[in-house]
PDB file of N, CA and C in Angstrom:
ATOM      1  N   UNK A   1      -4.967  -8.524 -13.571  1.00  0.00           N
ATOM      2  CA  UNK A   1      -5.296  -7.517 -13.075  1.00  0.00           C
ATOM      3  C   UNK A   1      -4.979  -6.164 -14.001  1.00  0.00           C
ATOM      4  N   UNK A   2      -6.096  -5.452 -14.413  1.00  0.00           N
ATOM      5  CA  UNK A   2      -5.850  -4.018 -15.308  1.00  0.00           C
ATOM      6  C   UNK A   2      -4.956  -3.157 -14.961  1.00  0.00           C
ATOM      7  N   UNK A   3      -4.599  -2.191 -15.657  1.00  0.00           N
ATOM      8  CA  UNK A   3      -3.169  -1.612 -16.297  1.00  0.00           C
ATOM      9  C   UNK A   3      -3.650   0.415 -15.088  1.00  0.00           C
ATOM     10  N   UNK A   4      -3.686   0.409 -14.086  1.00  0.00           N
ATOM     11  CA  UNK A   4      -4.051   1.531 -13.489  1.00  0.00           C
ATOM     12  C   UNK A   4      -3.040   2.859 -13.907  1.00  0.00           C
ATOM     13  N   UNK A   5      -3.553   3.914 -13.905  1.00  0.00           N
ATOM     14  CA  UNK A   5      -3.249   4.983 -14.505  1.00  0.00           C
ATOM     15  C   UNK A   5      -3.334   6.032 -13.460  1.00  0.00           C
ATOM     16  N   UNK A   6      -2.481   6.067 -12.273  1.00  0.00           N
ATOM     17  CA  UNK A   6      -2.978   7.022 -11.111  1.00  0.00           C
ATOM     18  C   UNK A   6      -2.763   8.787 -11.066  1.00  0.00           C
ATOM     19  N   UNK A   7      -2.865   8.949 -12.628  1.00  0.00           N
ATOM     20  CA  UNK A   7      -2.461  10.458 -12.766  1.00  0.00           C
ATOM     21  C   UNK A   7      -4.075  10.822 -13.028  1.00  0.00           C
ATOM     22  N   UNK A   8      -4.661   9.894 -13.180  1.00  0.00           N
ATOM     23  CA  UNK A   8      -5.734  10.479 -12.726  1.00  0.00           C
ATOM     24  C   UNK A   8      -7.374  10.001 -11.869  1.00  0.00           C
ATOM     25  N   UNK A   9      -6.104   9.890 -10.691  1.00  0.00           N
ATOM     26  CA  UNK A   9      -6.575  10.026  -9.075  1.00  0.00           C
ATOM     27  C   UNK A   9      -5.795  10.954  -8.063  1.00  0.00           C
ATOM     28  N   UNK A  10      -7.147  11.073  -7.309  1.00  0.00           N
ATOM     29  CA  UNK A  10      -7.095  12.727  -6.411  1.00  0.00           C
ATOM     30  C   UNK A  10      -5.837  12.001  -5.590  1.00  0.00           C
ATOM     31  N   UNK A  11      -5.355  13.161  -5.296  1.00  0.00           N
ATOM     32  CA  UNK A  11      -4.227  13.110  -4.217  1.00  0.00           C
ATOM     33  C   UNK A  11      -4.829  12.616  -3.340  1.00  0.00           C
ATOM     34  N   UNK A  12      -3.818  11.753  -2.228  1.00  0.00           N
ATOM     35  CA  UNK A  12      -3.996  11.123  -1.569  1.00  0.00           C
ATOM     36  C   UNK A  12      -4.388  12.277  -0.247  1.00  0.00           C
ATOM     37  N   UNK A  13      -5.179  12.091   1.140  1.00  0.00           N
ATOM     38  CA  UNK A  13      -4.368  12.955   2.475  1.00  0.00           C
ATOM     39  C   UNK A  13      -3.719  12.613   3.441  1.00  0.00           C
ATOM     40  N   UNK A  14      -2.667  13.307   4.585  1.00  0.00           N
ATOM     41  CA  UNK A  14      -2.815  12.392   4.959  1.00  0.00           C
ATOM     42  C   UNK A  14      -2.518  11.578   6.191  1.00  0.00           C
ATOM     43  N   UNK A  15      -1.779   9.966   6.328  1.00  0.00           N
ATOM     44  CA  UNK A  15      -2.430   9.083   7.288  1.00  0.00           C
ATOM     45  C   UNK A  15      -1.722   9.891   8.243  1.00  0.00           C
ATOM     46  N   UNK A  16      -2.076   8.639   9.387  1.00  0.00           N
ATOM     47  CA  UNK A  16      -1.252   8.366  10.688  1.00  0.00           C
ATOM     48  C   UNK A  16      -0.225   6.814  10.973  1.00  0.00           C
ATOM     49  N   UNK A  17       0.060   7.208  11.515  1.00  0.00           N
ATOM     50  CA  UNK A  17       0.533   5.167  11.913  1.00  0.00           C
ATOM     51  C   UNK A  17       2.418   5.766  12.757  1.00  0.00           C
ATOM     52  N   UNK A  18       2.266   4.179  12.646  1.00  0.00           N
ATOM     53  CA  UNK A  18       3.526   4.147  13.562  1.00  0.00           C
ATOM     54  C   UNK A  18       4.560   4.820  12.794  1.00  0.00           C
ATOM     55  N   UNK A  19       4.909   4.872  11.531  1.00  0.00           N
ATOM     56  CA  UNK A  19       6.183   5.028  10.467  1.00  0.00           C
ATOM     57  C   UNK A  19       5.450   6.277   9.883  1.00  0.00           C
ATOM     58  N   UNK A  20       6.462   7.291  10.699  1.00  0.00           N
ATOM     59  CA  UNK A  20       6.019   8.496   9.608  1.00  0.00           C
ATOM     60  C   UNK A  20       5.808   8.544   8.136  1.00  0.00           C
ATOM     61  N   UNK A  21       5.036   9.524   7.333  1.00  0.00           N
ATOM     62  CA  UNK A  21       5.326   9.672   5.900  1.00  0.00           C
ATOM     63  C   UNK A  21       6.533   9.578   5.491  1.00  0.00           C
ATOM     64  N   UNK A  22       6.947   9.596   4.482  1.00  0.00           N
ATOM     65  CA  UNK A  22       7.802   9.336   3.446  1.00  0.00           C
ATOM     66  C   UNK A  22       8.550   7.907   2.854  1.00  0.00           C
ATOM     67  N   UNK A  23       9.816   8.094   2.599  1.00  0.00           N
ATOM     68  CA  UNK A  23       9.868   7.282   1.318  1.00  0.00           C
ATOM     69  C   UNK A  23      11.041   5.949   2.195  1.00  0.00           C
ATOM     70  N   UNK A  24      10.842   5.198   2.003  1.00  0.00           N
ATOM     71  CA  UNK A  24      11.229   3.726   2.997  1.00  0.00           C
ATOM     72  C   UNK A  24      11.507   2.741   1.914  1.00  0.00           C
ATOM     73  N   UNK A  25      12.921   2.354   1.977  1.00  0.00           N
ATOM     74  CA  UNK A  25      13.448   1.244   1.393  1.00  0.00           C
ATOM     75  C   UNK A  25      12.747   0.087   1.997  1.00  0.00           C
ATOM     76  N   UNK A  26      11.690  -0.882   1.124  1.00  0.00           N
ATOM     77  CA  UNK A  26      11.361  -2.074   1.808  1.00  0.00           C
ATOM     78  C   UNK A  26      11.698  -3.205   1.060  1.00  0.00           C
ATOM     79  N   UNK A  27      11.554  -4.477   1.840  1.00  0.00           N
ATOM     80  CA  UNK A  27      11.319  -5.123   1.197  1.00  0.00           C
ATOM     81  C   UNK A  27      10.019  -6.137   1.124  1.00  0.00           C
ATOM     82  N   UNK A  28       9.781  -6.428  -0.057  1.00  0.00           N
ATOM     83  CA  UNK A  28       8.671  -7.327  -0.130  1.00  0.00           C
ATOM     84  C   UNK A  28       8.165  -9.068   0.597  1.00  0.00           C
ATOM     85  N   UNK A  29       8.156  -9.190   1.930  1.00  0.00           N
ATOM     86  CA  UNK A  29       8.057 -10.174   2.408  1.00  0.00           C
ATOM     87  C   UNK A  29       6.941 -11.109   1.722  1.00  0.00           C
ATOM     88  N   UNK A  30       5.654 -10.873   1.761  1.00  0.00           N
ATOM     89  CA  UNK A  30       4.568 -11.675   1.078  1.00  0.00           C
ATOM     90  C   UNK A  30       3.402 -10.311   0.942  1.00  0.00           C
ATOM     91  N   UNK A  31       2.724 -11.073  -0.253  1.00  0.00           N
ATOM     92  CA  UNK A  31       1.789 -10.417  -1.103  1.00  0.00           C
ATOM     93  C   UNK A  31       0.480 -11.724  -1.174  1.00  0.00           C
ATOM     94  N   UNK A  32      -0.553 -11.413  -0.230  1.00  0.00           N
ATOM     95  CA  UNK A  32      -1.506 -12.597  -1.046  1.00  0.00           C
ATOM     96  C   UNK A  32      -3.109 -11.571  -1.526  1.00  0.00           C
ATOM     97  N   UNK A  33      -2.666 -12.365  -3.207  1.00  0.00           N
ATOM     98  CA  UNK A  33      -3.999 -11.819  -3.506  1.00  0.00           C
ATOM     99  C   UNK A  33      -5.391 -12.298  -3.565  1.00  0.00           C
ATOM    100  N   UNK A  34      -6.024 -11.654  -3.351  1.00  0.00           N
ATOM    101  CA  UNK A  34      -7.728 -11.896  -2.862  1.00  0.00           C
ATOM    102  C   UNK A  34      -8.617 -10.941  -3.750  1.00  0.00           C
ATOM    103  N   UNK A  35      -9.979 -11.085  -3.245  1.00  0.00           N
ATOM    104  CA  UNK A  35     -10.958 -10.449  -3.591  1.00  0.00           C
ATOM    105  C   UNK A  35     -12.088 -10.541  -2.807  1.00  0.00           C
ATOM    106  N   UNK A  36     -12.531  -8.978  -2.828  1.00  0.00           N
ATOM    107  CA  UNK A  36     -13.609  -8.605  -1.547  1.00  0.00           C
ATOM    108  C   UNK A  36     -14.804  -9.744  -1.776  1.00  0.00           C
ATOM    109  N   UNK A  37     -15.493  -9.205  -0.791  1.00  0.00           N
ATOM    110  CA  UNK A  37     -17.312  -9.622  -1.197  1.00  0.00           C
ATOM    111  C   UNK A  37     -17.701  -8.740  -2.313  1.00  0.00           C
ATOM    112  N   UNK A  38     -17.460  -7.863  -3.202  1.00  0.00           N
ATOM    113  CA  UNK A  38     -18.093  -7.433  -3.729  1.00  0.00           C
ATOM    114  C   UNK A  38     -17.867  -7.642  -5.297  1.00  0.00           C
ATOM    115  N   UNK A  39     -16.462  -8.242  -5.215  1.00  0.00           N
ATOM    116  CA  UNK A  39     -15.835  -8.539  -6.473  1.00  0.00           C
ATOM    117  C   UNK A  39     -14.566  -7.862  -6.867  1.00  0.00           C
ATOM    118  N   UNK A  40     -13.953  -7.015  -6.205  1.00  0.00           N
ATOM    119  CA  UNK A  40     -12.682  -5.686  -6.602  1.00  0.00           C
ATOM    120  C   UNK A  40     -11.523  -6.941  -5.923  1.00  0.00           C
ATOM    121  N   UNK A  41     -10.806  -6.482  -6.633  1.00  0.00           N
ATOM    122  CA  UNK A  41      -9.125  -7.263  -6.775  1.00  0.00           C
ATOM    123  C   UNK A  41      -8.679  -6.267  -5.378  1.00  0.00           C
ATOM    124  N   UNK A  42      -8.051  -7.272  -4.334  1.00  0.00           N
ATOM    125  CA  UNK A  42      -7.243  -6.592  -3.647  1.00  0.00           C
ATOM    126  C   UNK A  42      -5.894  -7.557  -3.201  1.00  0.00           C
ATOM    127  N   UNK A  43      -4.344  -6.412  -2.942  1.00  0.00           N
ATOM    128  CA  UNK A  43      -3.490  -7.216  -2.482  1.00  0.00           C
ATOM    129  C   UNK A  43      -2.997  -7.125  -0.875  1.00  0.00           C
ATOM    130  N   UNK A  44      -3.139  -7.820  -0.417  1.00  0.00           N
ATOM    131  CA  UNK A  44      -2.648  -7.998   1.151  1.00  0.00           C
ATOM    132  C   UNK A  44      -1.252  -7.929   1.395  1.00  0.00           C
ATOM    133  N   UNK A  45      -0.301  -6.572   1.377  1.00  0.00           N
ATOM    134  CA  UNK A  45       0.996  -6.585   1.311  1.00  0.00           C
ATOM    135  C   UNK A  45       1.235  -6.762   3.048  1.00  0.00           C
ATOM    136  N   UNK A  46       2.649  -7.435   2.814  1.00  0.00           N
ATOM    137  CA  UNK A  46       3.572  -7.577   4.080  1.00  0.00           C
ATOM    138  C   UNK A  46       5.167  -7.332   3.684  1.00  0.00           C
ATOM    139  N   UNK A  47       5.293  -6.070   4.580  1.00  0.00           N
ATOM    140  CA  UNK A  47       6.658  -5.178   3.765  1.00  0.00           C
ATOM    141  C   UNK A  47       7.370  -4.706   4.879  1.00  0.00           C
ATOM    142  N   UNK A  48       8.875  -5.347   4.945  1.00  0.00           N
ATOM    143  CA  UNK A  48       9.959  -4.856   6.518  1.00  0.00           C
ATOM    144  C   UNK A  48      10.421  -3.607   5.791  1.00  0.00           C
ATOM    145  N   UNK A  49      10.866  -2.791   6.474  1.00  0.00           N
ATOM    146  CA  UNK A  49      11.507  -1.394   6.038  1.00  0.00           C
ATOM    147  C   UNK A  49      12.923  -2.194   6.429  1.00  0.00           C
ATOM    148  N   UNK A  50      13.953  -2.214   5.100  1.00  0.00           N
ATOM    149  CA  UNK A  50      15.240  -2.311   4.787  1.00  0.00           C
ATOM    150  C   UNK A  50      16.347  -1.289   5.280  1.00  0.00           C
ATOM    151  N   UNK A  51      16.178  -0.260   5.071  1.00  0.00           N
ATOM    152  CA  UNK A  51      17.236   0.906   5.170  1.00  0.00           C
ATOM    153  C   UNK A  51      17.219   0.849   6.437  1.00  0.00           C
ATOM    154  N   UNK A  52      18.689   1.168   6.819  1.00  0.00           N
ATOM    155  CA  UNK A  52      19.184   1.355   8.708  1.00  0.00           C
ATOM    156  C   UNK A  52      18.943   3.188   8.341  1.00  0.00           C
ATOM    157  N   UNK A  53      18.464   2.798  10.100  1.00  0.00           N
ATOM    158  CA  UNK A  53      18.096   3.882  10.659  1.00  0.00           C
ATOM    159  C   UNK A  53      16.603   3.191  11.517  1.00  0.00           C
ATOM    160  N   UNK A  54      16.035   4.375  12.305  1.00  0.00           N
ATOM    161  CA  UNK A  54      15.286   4.203  13.637  1.00  0.00           C
ATOM    162  C   UNK A  54      13.885   2.824  13.230  1.00  0.00           C
ATOM    163  N   UNK A  55      13.554   3.256  11.709  1.00  0.00           N
ATOM    164  CA  UNK A  55      12.839   1.928  11.329  1.00  0.00           C
ATOM    165  C   UNK A  55      12.867   0.537  10.784  1.00  0.00           C
ATOM    166  N   UNK A  56      14.485   0.258  10.578  1.00  0.00           N
ATOM    167  CA  UNK A  56      15.110  -0.779   9.928  1.00  0.00           C
ATOM    168  C   UNK A  56      14.321  -1.937  11.131  1.00  0.00           C
ATOM    169  N   UNK A  57      13.560  -3.096   9.898  1.00  0.00           N
ATOM    170  CA  UNK A  57      13.116  -3.863  10.678  1.00  0.00           C
ATOM    171  C   UNK A  57      11.403  -3.961  11.135  1.00  0.00           C
ATOM    172  N   UNK A  58      11.104  -2.784  10.773  1.00  0.00           N
ATOM    173  CA  UNK A  58       9.748  -2.918  10.767  1.00  0.00           C
ATOM    174  C   UNK A  58       8.879  -3.919  10.480  1.00  0.00           C
ATOM    175  N   UNK A  59       7.757  -4.071  10.365  1.00  0.00           N
ATOM    176  CA  UNK A  59       7.288  -4.792   9.377  1.00  0.00           C
ATOM    177  C   UNK A  59       5.672  -3.935   9.471  1.00  0.00           C
ATOM    178  N   UNK A  60       5.909  -3.485   8.062  1.00  0.00           N
ATOM    179  CA  UNK A  60       4.059  -3.534   7.441  1.00  0.00           C
ATOM    180  C   UNK A  60       3.121  -3.707   6.807  1.00  0.00           C
ATOM    181  N   UNK A  61       2.573  -3.563   7.351  1.00  0.00           N
ATOM    182  CA  UNK A  61       0.802  -4.524   6.532  1.00  0.00           C
ATOM    183  C   UNK A  61       0.289  -3.803   6.477  1.00  0.00           C
ATOM    184  N   UNK A  62      -0.547  -3.787   4.887  1.00  0.00           N
ATOM    185  CA  UNK A  62      -1.528  -3.010   4.350  1.00  0.00           C
ATOM    186  C   UNK A  62      -2.644  -4.244   3.020  1.00  0.00           C
ATOM    187  N   UNK A  63      -3.679  -3.168   3.763  1.00  0.00           N
ATOM    188  CA  UNK A  63      -4.536  -4.462   2.555  1.00  0.00           C
ATOM    189  C   UNK A  63      -4.583  -2.990   1.367  1.00  0.00           C
ATOM    190  N   UNK A  64      -4.240  -3.393  -0.051  1.00  0.00           N
ATOM    191  CA  UNK A  64      -4.850  -2.034  -1.101  1.00  0.00           C
ATOM    192  C   UNK A  64      -5.714  -2.801  -1.991  1.00  0.00           C
ATOM    193  N   UNK A  65      -6.945  -2.221  -1.927  1.00  0.00           N
ATOM    194  CA  UNK A  65      -8.223  -2.878  -2.992  1.00  0.00           C
ATOM    195  C   UNK A  65      -8.196  -1.815  -4.194  1.00  0.00           C
ATOM    196  N   UNK A  66      -8.338  -2.213  -5.106  1.00  0.00           N
ATOM    197  CA  UNK A  66      -8.488  -1.796  -6.512  1.00  0.00           C
ATOM    198  C   UNK A  66      -9.744  -1.867  -6.379  1.00  0.00           C
ATOM    199  N   UNK A  67     -10.734  -0.825  -6.237  1.00  0.00           N
ATOM    200  CA  UNK A  67     -12.042  -0.364  -6.590  1.00  0.00           C
ATOM    201  C   UNK A  67     -11.698   1.254  -7.414  1.00  0.00           C
ATOM    202  N   UNK A  68     -12.898   1.346  -7.568  1.00  0.00           N
ATOM    203  CA  UNK A  68     -12.942   3.152  -7.523  1.00  0.00           C
ATOM    204  C   UNK A  68     -12.809   4.200  -6.554  1.00  0.00           C
ATOM    205  N   UNK A  69     -13.663   3.196  -5.509  1.00  0.00           N
ATOM    206  CA  UNK A  69     -13.509   4.052  -4.555  1.00  0.00           C
ATOM    207  C   UNK A  69     -12.257   3.986  -3.898  1.00  0.00           C
ATOM    208  N   UNK A  70     -11.213   3.078  -4.009  1.00  0.00           N
ATOM    209  CA  UNK A  70      -9.845   2.716  -2.658  1.00  0.00           C
ATOM    210  C   UNK A  70      -9.251   3.744  -4.071  1.00  0.00           C
ATOM    211  N   UNK A  71      -8.958   3.925  -4.809  1.00  0.00           N
ATOM    212  CA  UNK A  71      -7.847   4.085  -5.871  1.00  0.00           C
ATOM    213  C   UNK A  71      -7.112   5.579  -5.192  1.00  0.00           C
ATOM    214  N   UNK A  72      -7.790   5.977  -4.354  1.00  0.00           N
ATOM    215  CA  UNK A  72      -6.789   7.358  -3.712  1.00  0.00           C
ATOM    216  C   UNK A  72      -6.171   6.726  -2.885  1.00  0.00           C
ATOM    217  N   UNK A  73      -6.370   6.002  -1.585  1.00  0.00           N
ATOM    218  CA  UNK A  73      -5.531   4.776  -1.202  1.00  0.00           C
ATOM    219  C   UNK A  73      -4.760   4.759  -1.484  1.00  0.00           C
ATOM    220  N   UNK A  74      -5.248   3.810  -2.613  1.00  0.00           N
ATOM    221  CA  UNK A  74      -3.811   2.711  -3.575  1.00  0.00           C
ATOM    222  C   UNK A  74      -2.460   3.642  -3.489  1.00  0.00           C
ATOM    223  N   UNK A  75      -2.914   4.935  -4.294  1.00  0.00           N
ATOM    224  CA  UNK A  75      -2.412   6.060  -4.310  1.00  0.00           C
ATOM    225  C   UNK A  75      -1.177   6.355  -3.503  1.00  0.00           C
ATOM    226  N   UNK A  76      -2.353   6.905  -2.698  1.00  0.00           N
ATOM    227  CA  UNK A  76      -0.791   6.715  -1.198  1.00  0.00           C
ATOM    228  C   UNK A  76      -0.038   5.891  -0.951  1.00  0.00           C
ATOM    229  N   UNK A  77      -0.349   4.838  -0.936  1.00  0.00           N
ATOM    230  CA  UNK A  77       0.392   3.118  -0.430  1.00  0.00           C
ATOM    231  C   UNK A  77       1.662   2.903  -1.364  1.00  0.00           C
ATOM    232  N   UNK A  78       1.624   3.766  -3.161  1.00  0.00           N
ATOM    233  CA  UNK A  78       2.133   3.137  -3.820  1.00  0.00           C
ATOM    234  C   UNK A  78       3.205   4.364  -4.231  1.00  0.00           C
TER     235      UNK A  78
END
């Protein structure tokens, strides 16, 4: 996996979901590494919110694709 400099990637727009945007302490429960049909690497992430509060224990799932078109979204996730 090549290193990515997110400073050169556009800022992501707002996203909606069950957990409001913000910073949450999460534990990485599982990561599945794969390749898309086009040959781009991806990570399938399974995270669990670990900080006390209304979202404690929530499980978050996401796919992060490391293609040129998807880097803005990858930046938003990380």
